[in-house]
């Protein structure tokens, strides 16, 4: 009897263990099932992670490229700005040099003596003929810059050493000789003469370039027996100017 009871107890114990084992087996199957259920979700999430990571690096590379491009542009602008400043500095120097040169020329021009005159002979008509040579006094002065010409004497007196240009026009309105001498100090340097056969206007013009010292004199002389003509229309004139000082 005891043996039977013992066997029954043993069988019951074994059944309990089997039930636990089966329960444990079900538990393991549940865990496997849960893992299998989770696995697809993880697999679905994995491509998203893989896709997101390359996009971020692509943006980083794009930003890097933009920074590099901006740096290149900044360097180019800096070089252009430097070149522009160099050109501006060069232009400023050239302007300063030009202004200095202009100022120098203006000072030289201001310091350079200015000499020019223009005068006509008379409103009275005929001058001459006379028995002696006479100095022609061109009394109608229109220009006398520097006051080097004296209408009271007919003399031009050089204020500075230099090269001077003189021109004269002589008019005749009668039958006879028409002409003038040109004198530098007491030296006769030119003689112009015309013979008129009728009482009509006749002109001749001549000019001379002379190197004069300060104080040298130039004047025109009417030879004896010669005559010239002038009126309000200024037919006979005398003019001169300083070309350049020496």
C-alpha atoms as a PDB file:
ATOM      1  CA  UNK A   1       0.000   0.000   0.000  1.00  0.00           C
ATOM      2  CA  UNK A   2       2.811   2.349   0.943  1.00  0.00           C
ATOM      3  CA  UNK A   3       4.498   1.484  -2.263  1.00  0.00           C
ATOM      4  CA  UNK A   4       1.454   2.436  -4.291  1.00  0.00           C
ATOM      5  CA  UNK A   5       1.092   5.713  -2.491  1.00  0.00           C
ATOM      6  CA  UNK A   6       4.730   6.455  -3.081  1.00  0.00           C
ATOM      7  CA  UNK A   7       4.390   5.772  -6.743  1.00  0.00           C
ATOM      8  CA  UNK A   8       1.360   8.058  -6.993  1.00  0.00           C
ATOM      9  CA  UNK A   9       3.230  10.855  -5.258  1.00  0.00           C
ATOM     10  CA  UNK A  10       6.155  10.331  -7.607  1.00  0.00           C
ATOM     11  CA  UNK A  11       3.858  10.485 -10.622  1.00  0.00           C
ATOM     12  CA  UNK A  12       2.224  13.646  -9.338  1.00  0.00           C
ATOM     13  CA  UNK A  13       5.630  15.196  -8.840  1.00  0.00           C
ATOM     14  CA  UNK A  14       6.653  14.288 -12.319  1.00  0.00           C
ATOM     15  CA  UNK A  15       3.430  15.711 -13.764  1.00  0.00           C
ATOM     16  CA  UNK A  16       4.014  18.968 -11.897  1.00  0.00           C
ATOM     17  CA  UNK A  17       7.512  19.226 -13.279  1.00  0.00           C
ATOM     18  CA  UNK A  18       6.226  18.503 -16.732  1.00  0.00           C
ATOM     19  CA  UNK A  19       3.586  21.165 -16.382  1.00  0.00           C
ATOM     20  CA  UNK A  20       6.222  23.634 -15.252  1.00  0.00           C
ATOM     21  CA  UNK A  21       8.417  22.526 -18.082  1.00  0.00           C
ATOM     22  CA  UNK A  22       5.619  23.023 -20.538  1.00  0.00           C
ATOM     23  CA  UNK A  23       4.857  26.355 -18.954  1.00  0.00           C
ATOM     24  CA  UNK A  24       8.494  27.250 -19.236  1.00  0.00           C
ATOM     25  CA  UNK A  25       8.463  26.135 -22.827  1.00  0.00           C
ATOM     26  CA  UNK A  26       5.528  28.358 -23.514  1.00  0.00           C
ATOM     27  CA  UNK A  27       7.387  31.174 -21.850  1.00  0.00           C
ATOM     28  CA  UNK A  28      10.364  30.706 -24.098  1.00  0.00           C
ATOM     29  CA  UNK A  29       8.121  30.540 -27.096  1.00  0.00           C
ATOM     30  CA  UNK A  30       6.464  33.795 -26.002  1.00  0.00           C
ATOM     31  CA  UNK A  31       9.830  35.494 -25.636  1.00  0.00           C
ATOM     32  CA  UNK A  32      10.840  34.257 -29.078  1.00  0.00           C
ATOM     33  CA  UNK A  33       7.546  35.467 -30.481  1.00  0.00           C
ATOM     34  CA  UNK A  34       8.040  38.885 -28.855  1.00  0.00           C
ATOM     35  CA  UNK A  35      11.574  39.068 -30.219  1.00  0.00           C
ATOM     36  CA  UNK A  36      10.319  38.141 -33.663  1.00  0.00           C
ATOM     37  CA  UNK A  37       7.640  40.803 -33.400  1.00  0.00           C
ATOM     38  CA  UNK A  38      10.214  43.411 -32.346  1.00  0.00           C
ATOM     39  CA  UNK A  39      12.761  42.403 -34.937  1.00  0.00           C
ATOM     40  CA  UNK A  40      10.802  43.592 -37.955  1.00  0.00           C
ATOM     41  CA  UNK A  41      10.257  46.969 -36.331  1.00  0.00           C
ATOM     42  CA  UNK A  42      13.979  47.316 -35.669  1.00  0.00           C
ATOM     43  CA  UNK A  43      14.701  46.257 -39.225  1.00  0.00           C
ATOM     44  CA  UNK A  44      12.248  48.879 -40.451  1.00  0.00           C
ATOM     45  CA  UNK A  45      13.878  51.552 -38.353  1.00  0.00           C
ATOM     46  CA  UNK A  46      17.402  50.635 -39.484  1.00  0.00           C
ATOM     47  CA  UNK A  47      17.055  51.961 -43.101  1.00  0.00           C
ATOM     48  CA  UNK A  48      15.754  55.258 -41.742  1.00  0.00           C
ATOM     49  CA  UNK A  49      18.891  55.629 -39.661  1.00  0.00           C
ATOM     50  CA  UNK A  50      21.040  54.653 -42.593  1.00  0.00           C
ATOM     51  CA  UNK A  51      19.224  57.174 -44.830  1.00  0.00           C
ATOM     52  CA  UNK A  52      19.373  60.019 -42.271  1.00  0.00           C
ATOM     53  CA  UNK A  53      23.108  59.764 -41.614  1.00  0.00           C
ATOM     54  CA  UNK A  54      24.273  60.227 -45.241  1.00  0.00           C
ATOM     55  CA  UNK A  55      21.912  63.231 -45.687  1.00  0.00           C
ATOM     56  CA  UNK A  56      23.506  65.045 -42.732  1.00  0.00           C
ATOM     57  CA  UNK A  57      27.007  64.520 -44.101  1.00  0.00           C
ATOM     58  CA  UNK A  58      25.904  65.686 -47.518  1.00  0.00           C
ATOM     59  CA  UNK A  59      24.623  68.913 -45.974  1.00  0.00           C
ATOM     60  CA  UNK A  60      27.866  69.308 -44.030  1.00  0.00           C
ATOM     61  CA  UNK A  61      29.870  68.860 -47.243  1.00  0.00           C
ATOM     62  CA  UNK A  62      27.610  71.341 -49.028  1.00  0.00           C
ATOM     63  CA  UNK A  63      28.145  73.883 -46.245  1.00  0.00           C
ATOM     64  CA  UNK A  64      31.878  73.249 -46.421  1.00  0.00           C
ATOM     65  CA  UNK A  65      31.850  73.869 -50.174  1.00  0.00           C
ATOM     66  CA  UNK A  66      29.872  77.084 -49.654  1.00  0.00           C
ATOM     67  CA  UNK A  67      32.402  78.281 -47.062  1.00  0.00           C
ATOM     68  CA  UNK A  68      35.281  77.485 -49.400  1.00  0.00           C
ATOM     69  CA  UNK A  69      33.557  79.316 -52.274  1.00  0.00           C
ATOM     70  CA  UNK A  70      32.837  82.314 -50.067  1.00  0.00           C
ATOM     71  CA  UNK A  71      36.454  82.381 -48.915  1.00  0.00           C
ATOM     72  CA  UNK A  72      37.621  82.348 -52.536  1.00  0.00           C
ATOM     73  CA  UNK A  73      35.266  85.211 -53.349  1.00  0.00           C
ATOM     74  CA  UNK A  74      36.424  87.164 -50.296  1.00  0.00           C
ATOM     75  CA  UNK A  75      40.069  86.658 -51.295  1.00  0.00           C
ATOM     76  CA  UNK A  76      39.254  87.812 -54.839  1.00  0.00           C
ATOM     77  CA  UNK A  77      37.433  90.908 -53.542  1.00  0.00           C
ATOM     78  CA  UNK A  78      40.342  91.683 -51.234  1.00  0.00           C
ATOM     79  CA  UNK A  79      42.795  91.434 -54.137  1.00  0.00           C
ATOM     80  CA  UNK A  80      40.570  93.638 -56.310  1.00  0.00           C
ATOM     81  CA  UNK A  81      40.244  96.126 -53.465  1.00  0.00           C
ATOM     82  CA  UNK A  82      44.012  96.132 -52.996  1.00  0.00           C
ATOM     83  CA  UNK A  83      44.563  96.684 -56.728  1.00  0.00           C
ATOM     84  CA  UNK A  84      41.964  99.473 -56.737  1.00  0.00           C
ATOM     85  CA  UNK A  85      43.638 101.171 -53.790  1.00  0.00           C
ATOM     86  CA  UNK A  86      46.979 100.865 -55.578  1.00  0.00           C
ATOM     87  CA  UNK A  87      45.530 102.431 -58.729  1.00  0.00           C
ATOM     88  CA  UNK A  88      43.881 105.176 -56.685  1.00  0.00           C
ATOM     89  CA  UNK A  89      47.148 105.864 -54.900  1.00  0.00           C
ATOM     90  CA  UNK A  90      48.944 106.000 -58.253  1.00  0.00           C
ATOM     91  CA  UNK A  91      46.271 108.327 -59.659  1.00  0.00           C
ATOM     92  CA  UNK A  92      46.508 110.537 -56.584  1.00  0.00           C
ATOM     93  CA  UNK A  93      50.271 110.731 -56.999  1.00  0.00           C
ATOM     94  CA  UNK A  94      49.869 111.596 -60.683  1.00  0.00           C
ATOM     95  CA  UNK A  95      47.306 114.252 -59.801  1.00  0.00           C
ATOM     96  CA  UNK A  96      49.637 115.725 -57.208  1.00  0.00           C
ATOM     97  CA  UNK A  97      52.507 115.744 -59.710  1.00  0.00           C
ATOM     98  CA  UNK A  98      50.277 117.339 -62.363  1.00  0.00           C
ATOM     99  CA  UNK A  99      49.004 119.945 -59.908  1.00  0.00           C
ATOM    100  CA  UNK A 100      52.558 120.702 -58.826  1.00  0.00           C
ATOM    101  CA  UNK A 101      53.602 121.072 -62.471  1.00  0.00           C
ATOM    102  CA  UNK A 102      50.629 123.315 -63.213  1.00  0.00           C
ATOM    103  CA  UNK A 103      51.419 125.458 -60.168  1.00  0.00           C
ATOM    104  CA  UNK A 104      55.028 125.706 -61.320  1.00  0.00           C
ATOM    105  CA  UNK A 105      53.980 126.748 -64.833  1.00  0.00           C
ATOM    106  CA  UNK A 106      51.543 129.278 -63.427  1.00  0.00           C
ATOM    107  CA  UNK A 107      54.290 130.746 -61.242  1.00  0.00           C
ATOM    108  CA  UNK A 108      56.662 130.855 -64.192  1.00  0.00           C
ATOM    109  CA  UNK A 109      53.996 132.445 -66.347  1.00  0.00           C
ATOM    110  CA  UNK A 110      53.214 134.973 -63.627  1.00  0.00           C
ATOM    111  CA  UNK A 111      56.903 135.783 -63.244  1.00  0.00           C
ATOM    112  CA  UNK A 112      57.514 135.978 -66.990  1.00  0.00           C
ATOM    113  CA  UNK A 113      57.353 139.578 -68.227  1.00  0.00           C
ATOM    114  CA  UNK A 114      54.443 140.316 -70.548  1.00  0.00           C
ATOM    115  CA  UNK A 115      55.188 142.783 -73.328  1.00  0.00           C
ATOM    116  CA  UNK A 116      52.996 143.663 -76.315  1.00  0.00           C
ATOM    117  CA  UNK A 117      51.907 146.829 -78.066  1.00  0.00           C
ATOM    118  CA  UNK A 118      49.934 147.947 -81.104  1.00  0.00           C
ATOM    119  CA  UNK A 119      49.625 151.536 -82.334  1.00  0.00           C
ATOM    120  CA  UNK A 120      48.531 153.478 -85.401  1.00  0.00           C
ATOM    121  CA  UNK A 121      50.291 156.575 -86.764  1.00  0.00           C
ATOM    122  CA  UNK A 122      47.859 159.521 -86.912  1.00  0.00           C
ATOM    123  CA  UNK A 123      44.404 160.785 -87.870  1.00  0.00           C
ATOM    124  CA  UNK A 124      45.933 163.804 -89.685  1.00  0.00           C
ATOM    125  CA  UNK A 125      46.453 162.188 -93.106  1.00  0.00           C
ATOM    126  CA  UNK A 126      49.913 162.685 -94.643  1.00  0.00           C
ATOM    127  CA  UNK A 127      53.186 162.641 -92.731  1.00  0.00           C
ATOM    128  CA  UNK A 128      56.028 164.003 -94.933  1.00  0.00           C
ATOM    129  CA  UNK A 129      57.688 164.579 -97.184  1.00  0.00           C
ATOM    130  CA  UNK A 130      60.340 166.524 -95.274  1.00  0.00           C
ATOM    131  CA  UNK A 131      63.930 167.539 -95.896  1.00  0.00           C
ATOM    132  CA  UNK A 132      65.315 165.357 -93.075  1.00  0.00           C
ATOM    133  CA  UNK A 133      64.707 161.927 -91.677  1.00  0.00           C
ATOM    134  CA  UNK A 134      62.128 161.935 -88.905  1.00  0.00           C
ATOM    135  CA  UNK A 135      61.157 159.385 -86.259  1.00  0.00           C
ATOM    136  CA  UNK A 136      57.606 158.198 -86.763  1.00  0.00           C
ATOM    137  CA  UNK A 137      55.543 158.633 -83.614  1.00  0.00           C
ATOM    138  CA  UNK A 138      52.633 156.203 -83.625  1.00  0.00           C
ATOM    139  CA  UNK A 139      50.362 158.220 -81.382  1.00  0.00           C
ATOM    140  CA  UNK A 140      47.163 156.110 -81.397  1.00  0.00           C
ATOM    141  CA  UNK A 141      47.928 153.353 -78.903  1.00  0.00           C
ATOM    142  CA  UNK A 142      45.468 150.493 -78.695  1.00  0.00           C
ATOM    143  CA  UNK A 143      47.562 147.984 -76.748  1.00  0.00           C
ATOM    144  CA  UNK A 144      50.576 148.635 -74.550  1.00  0.00           C
ATOM    145  CA  UNK A 145      51.031 145.767 -72.106  1.00  0.00           C
ATOM    146  CA  UNK A 146      54.157 146.382 -70.088  1.00  0.00           C
ATOM    147  CA  UNK A 147      54.269 150.056 -71.210  1.00  0.00           C
ATOM    148  CA  UNK A 148      57.402 149.389 -73.232  1.00  0.00           C
ATOM    149  CA  UNK A 149      56.245 151.591 -76.121  1.00  0.00           C
ATOM    150  CA  UNK A 150      56.293 155.383 -75.718  1.00  0.00           C
ATOM    151  CA  UNK A 151      53.909 157.183 -78.126  1.00  0.00           C
ATOM    152  CA  UNK A 152      55.475 160.548 -77.259  1.00  0.00           C
ATOM    153  CA  UNK A 153      58.854 159.506 -78.655  1.00  0.00           C
ATOM    154  CA  UNK A 154      57.944 156.620 -80.990  1.00  0.00           C
ATOM    155  CA  UNK A 155      60.495 154.369 -79.243  1.00  0.00           C
ATOM    156  CA  UNK A 156      60.018 150.864 -78.007  1.00  0.00           C
ATOM    157  CA  UNK A 157      62.409 150.138 -75.087  1.00  0.00           C
ATOM    158  CA  UNK A 158      62.991 146.482 -74.215  1.00  0.00           C
ATOM    159  CA  UNK A 159      62.241 145.897 -70.517  1.00  0.00           C
ATOM    160  CA  UNK A 160      64.116 142.555 -70.379  1.00  0.00           C
ATOM    161  CA  UNK A 161      66.599 140.629 -72.422  1.00  0.00           C
ATOM    162  CA  UNK A 162      64.747 138.457 -74.893  1.00  0.00           C
ATOM    163  CA  UNK A 163      63.618 137.775 -78.431  1.00  0.00           C
ATOM    164  CA  UNK A 164      61.042 140.244 -79.771  1.00  0.00           C
ATOM    165  CA  UNK A 165      58.788 140.276 -82.803  1.00  0.00           C
ATOM    166  CA  UNK A 166      57.938 143.546 -84.608  1.00  0.00           C
ATOM    167  CA  UNK A 167      55.611 144.229 -87.529  1.00  0.00           C
ATOM    168  CA  UNK A 168      54.740 147.393 -89.413  1.00  0.00           C
ATOM    169  CA  UNK A 169      52.358 148.351 -92.206  1.00  0.00           C
ATOM    170  CA  UNK A 170      52.981 151.448 -94.328  1.00  0.00           C
ATOM    171  CA  UNK A 171      50.380 153.111 -96.503  1.00  0.00           C
ATOM    172  CA  UNK A 172      50.930 155.570 -99.348  1.00  0.00           C
ATOM    173  CA  UNK A 173      48.202 157.651-100.992  1.00  0.00           C
ATOM    174  CA  UNK A 174      50.167 159.891-103.297  1.00  0.00           C
ATOM    175  CA  UNK A 175      52.579 159.829-106.216  1.00  0.00           C
ATOM    176  CA  UNK A 176      56.135 159.430-105.005  1.00  0.00           C
ATOM    177  CA  UNK A 177      58.286 157.413-102.620  1.00  0.00           C
ATOM    178  CA  UNK A 178      56.828 155.451 -99.702  1.00  0.00           C
ATOM    179  CA  UNK A 179      59.080 153.725 -97.202  1.00  0.00           C
ATOM    180  CA  UNK A 180      60.562 153.470 -93.686  1.00  0.00           C
ATOM    181  CA  UNK A 181      63.798 152.580 -91.931  1.00  0.00           C
ATOM    182  CA  UNK A 182      63.855 150.180 -88.985  1.00  0.00           C
ATOM    183  CA  UNK A 183      66.392 151.087 -86.289  1.00  0.00           C
ATOM    184  CA  UNK A 184      67.760 149.128 -83.373  1.00  0.00           C
ATOM    185  CA  UNK A 185      69.360 151.751 -81.155  1.00  0.00           C
ATOM    186  CA  UNK A 186      71.393 153.738 -83.693  1.00  0.00           C
ATOM    187  CA  UNK A 187      71.785 150.832 -86.119  1.00  0.00           C
ATOM    188  CA  UNK A 188      69.675 150.734 -89.251  1.00  0.00           C
ATOM    189  CA  UNK A 189      68.657 147.110 -89.752  1.00  0.00           C
ATOM    190  CA  UNK A 190      65.970 147.343 -92.459  1.00  0.00           C
ATOM    191  CA  UNK A 191      64.849 149.658 -95.268  1.00  0.00           C
ATOM    192  CA  UNK A 192      61.551 149.166 -97.122  1.00  0.00           C
ATOM    193  CA  UNK A 193      60.593 151.416-100.038  1.00  0.00           C
ATOM    194  CA  UNK A 194      57.933 151.639-102.754  1.00  0.00           C
ATOM    195  CA  UNK A 195      57.462 154.047-105.678  1.00  0.00           C
ATOM    196  CA  UNK A 196      53.879 155.137-106.329  1.00  0.00           C
ATOM    197  CA  UNK A 197      52.928 156.442-109.736  1.00  0.00           C
ATOM    198  CA  UNK A 198      49.347 157.357-108.905  1.00  0.00           C
ATOM    199  CA  UNK A 199      47.334 158.756-106.049  1.00  0.00           C
ATOM    200  CA  UNK A 200      45.735 155.521-104.928  1.00  0.00           C
ATOM    201  CA  UNK A 201      46.208 153.565-101.713  1.00  0.00           C
ATOM    202  CA  UNK A 202      49.202 151.286-101.697  1.00  0.00           C
ATOM    203  CA  UNK A 203      50.450 149.196 -98.765  1.00  0.00           C
ATOM    204  CA  UNK A 204      53.376 147.085 -97.785  1.00  0.00           C
ATOM    205  CA  UNK A 205      53.923 145.114 -94.599  1.00  0.00           C
ATOM    206  CA  UNK A 206      57.069 143.649 -93.157  1.00  0.00           C
ATOM    207  CA  UNK A 207      58.260 142.142 -89.898  1.00  0.00           C
ATOM    208  CA  UNK A 208      61.463 141.464 -88.013  1.00  0.00           C
ATOM    209  CA  UNK A 209      62.581 139.302 -85.087  1.00  0.00           C
ATOM    210  CA  UNK A 210      65.277 140.828 -82.907  1.00  0.00           C
ATOM    211  CA  UNK A 211      67.260 139.731 -79.888  1.00  0.00           C
ATOM    212  CA  UNK A 212      67.360 142.695 -77.545  1.00  0.00           C
ATOM    213  CA  UNK A 213      69.079 143.454 -74.291  1.00  0.00           C
ATOM    214  CA  UNK A 214      67.183 145.254 -71.577  1.00  0.00           C
ATOM    215  CA  UNK A 215      67.189 148.950 -72.511  1.00  0.00           C
ATOM    216  CA  UNK A 216      67.662 148.431 -76.275  1.00  0.00           C
ATOM    217  CA  UNK A 217      65.469 150.668 -78.430  1.00  0.00           C
ATOM    218  CA  UNK A 218      63.547 150.015 -81.639  1.00  0.00           C
ATOM    219  CA  UNK A 219      61.861 152.716 -83.743  1.00  0.00           C
ATOM    220  CA  UNK A 220      60.804 153.512 -87.313  1.00  0.00           C
ATOM    221  CA  UNK A 221      62.177 156.450 -89.318  1.00  0.00           C
ATOM    222  CA  UNK A 222      60.636 158.176 -92.329  1.00  0.00           C
ATOM    223  CA  UNK A 223      63.395 159.019 -94.818  1.00  0.00           C
ATOM    224  CA  UNK A 224      63.623 162.552 -96.162  1.00  0.00           C
ATOM    225  CA  UNK A 225      61.447 163.248 -99.232  1.00  0.00           C
ATOM    226  CA  UNK A 226      59.279 160.238 -98.328  1.00  0.00           C
ATOM    227  CA  UNK A 227      55.667 160.369 -97.194  1.00  0.00           C
ATOM    228  CA  UNK A 228      53.172 157.978 -95.518  1.00  0.00           C
ATOM    229  CA  UNK A 229      49.468 158.224 -95.023  1.00  0.00           C
ATOM    230  CA  UNK A 230      47.098 157.426 -92.145  1.00  0.00           C
ATOM    231  CA  UNK A 231      43.612 158.369 -91.007  1.00  0.00           C
ATOM    232  CA  UNK A 232      40.913 157.273 -88.574  1.00  0.00           C
ATOM    233  CA  UNK A 233      40.923 153.974 -90.467  1.00  0.00           C
ATOM    234  CA  UNK A 234      44.477 153.212 -89.200  1.00  0.00           C
ATOM    235  CA  UNK A 235      46.258 152.474 -92.470  1.00  0.00           C
ATOM    236  CA  UNK A 236      49.811 152.731 -91.061  1.00  0.00           C
ATOM    237  CA  UNK A 237      50.541 150.708 -87.913  1.00  0.00           C
ATOM    238  CA  UNK A 238      53.410 149.507 -85.726  1.00  0.00           C
ATOM    239  CA  UNK A 239      53.263 146.550 -83.303  1.00  0.00           C
ATOM    240  CA  UNK A 240      55.551 144.259 -81.348  1.00  0.00           C
ATOM    241  CA  UNK A 241      55.703 141.681 -78.562  1.00  0.00           C
ATOM    242  CA  UNK A 242      58.105 139.663 -76.459  1.00  0.00           C
ATOM    243  CA  UNK A 243      58.347 136.109 -77.779  1.00  0.00           C
ATOM    244  CA  UNK A 244      60.388 134.794 -74.866  1.00  0.00           C
ATOM    245  CA  UNK A 245      62.866 136.083 -72.323  1.00  0.00           C
ATOM    246  CA  UNK A 246      66.504 134.992 -72.292  1.00  0.00           C
END
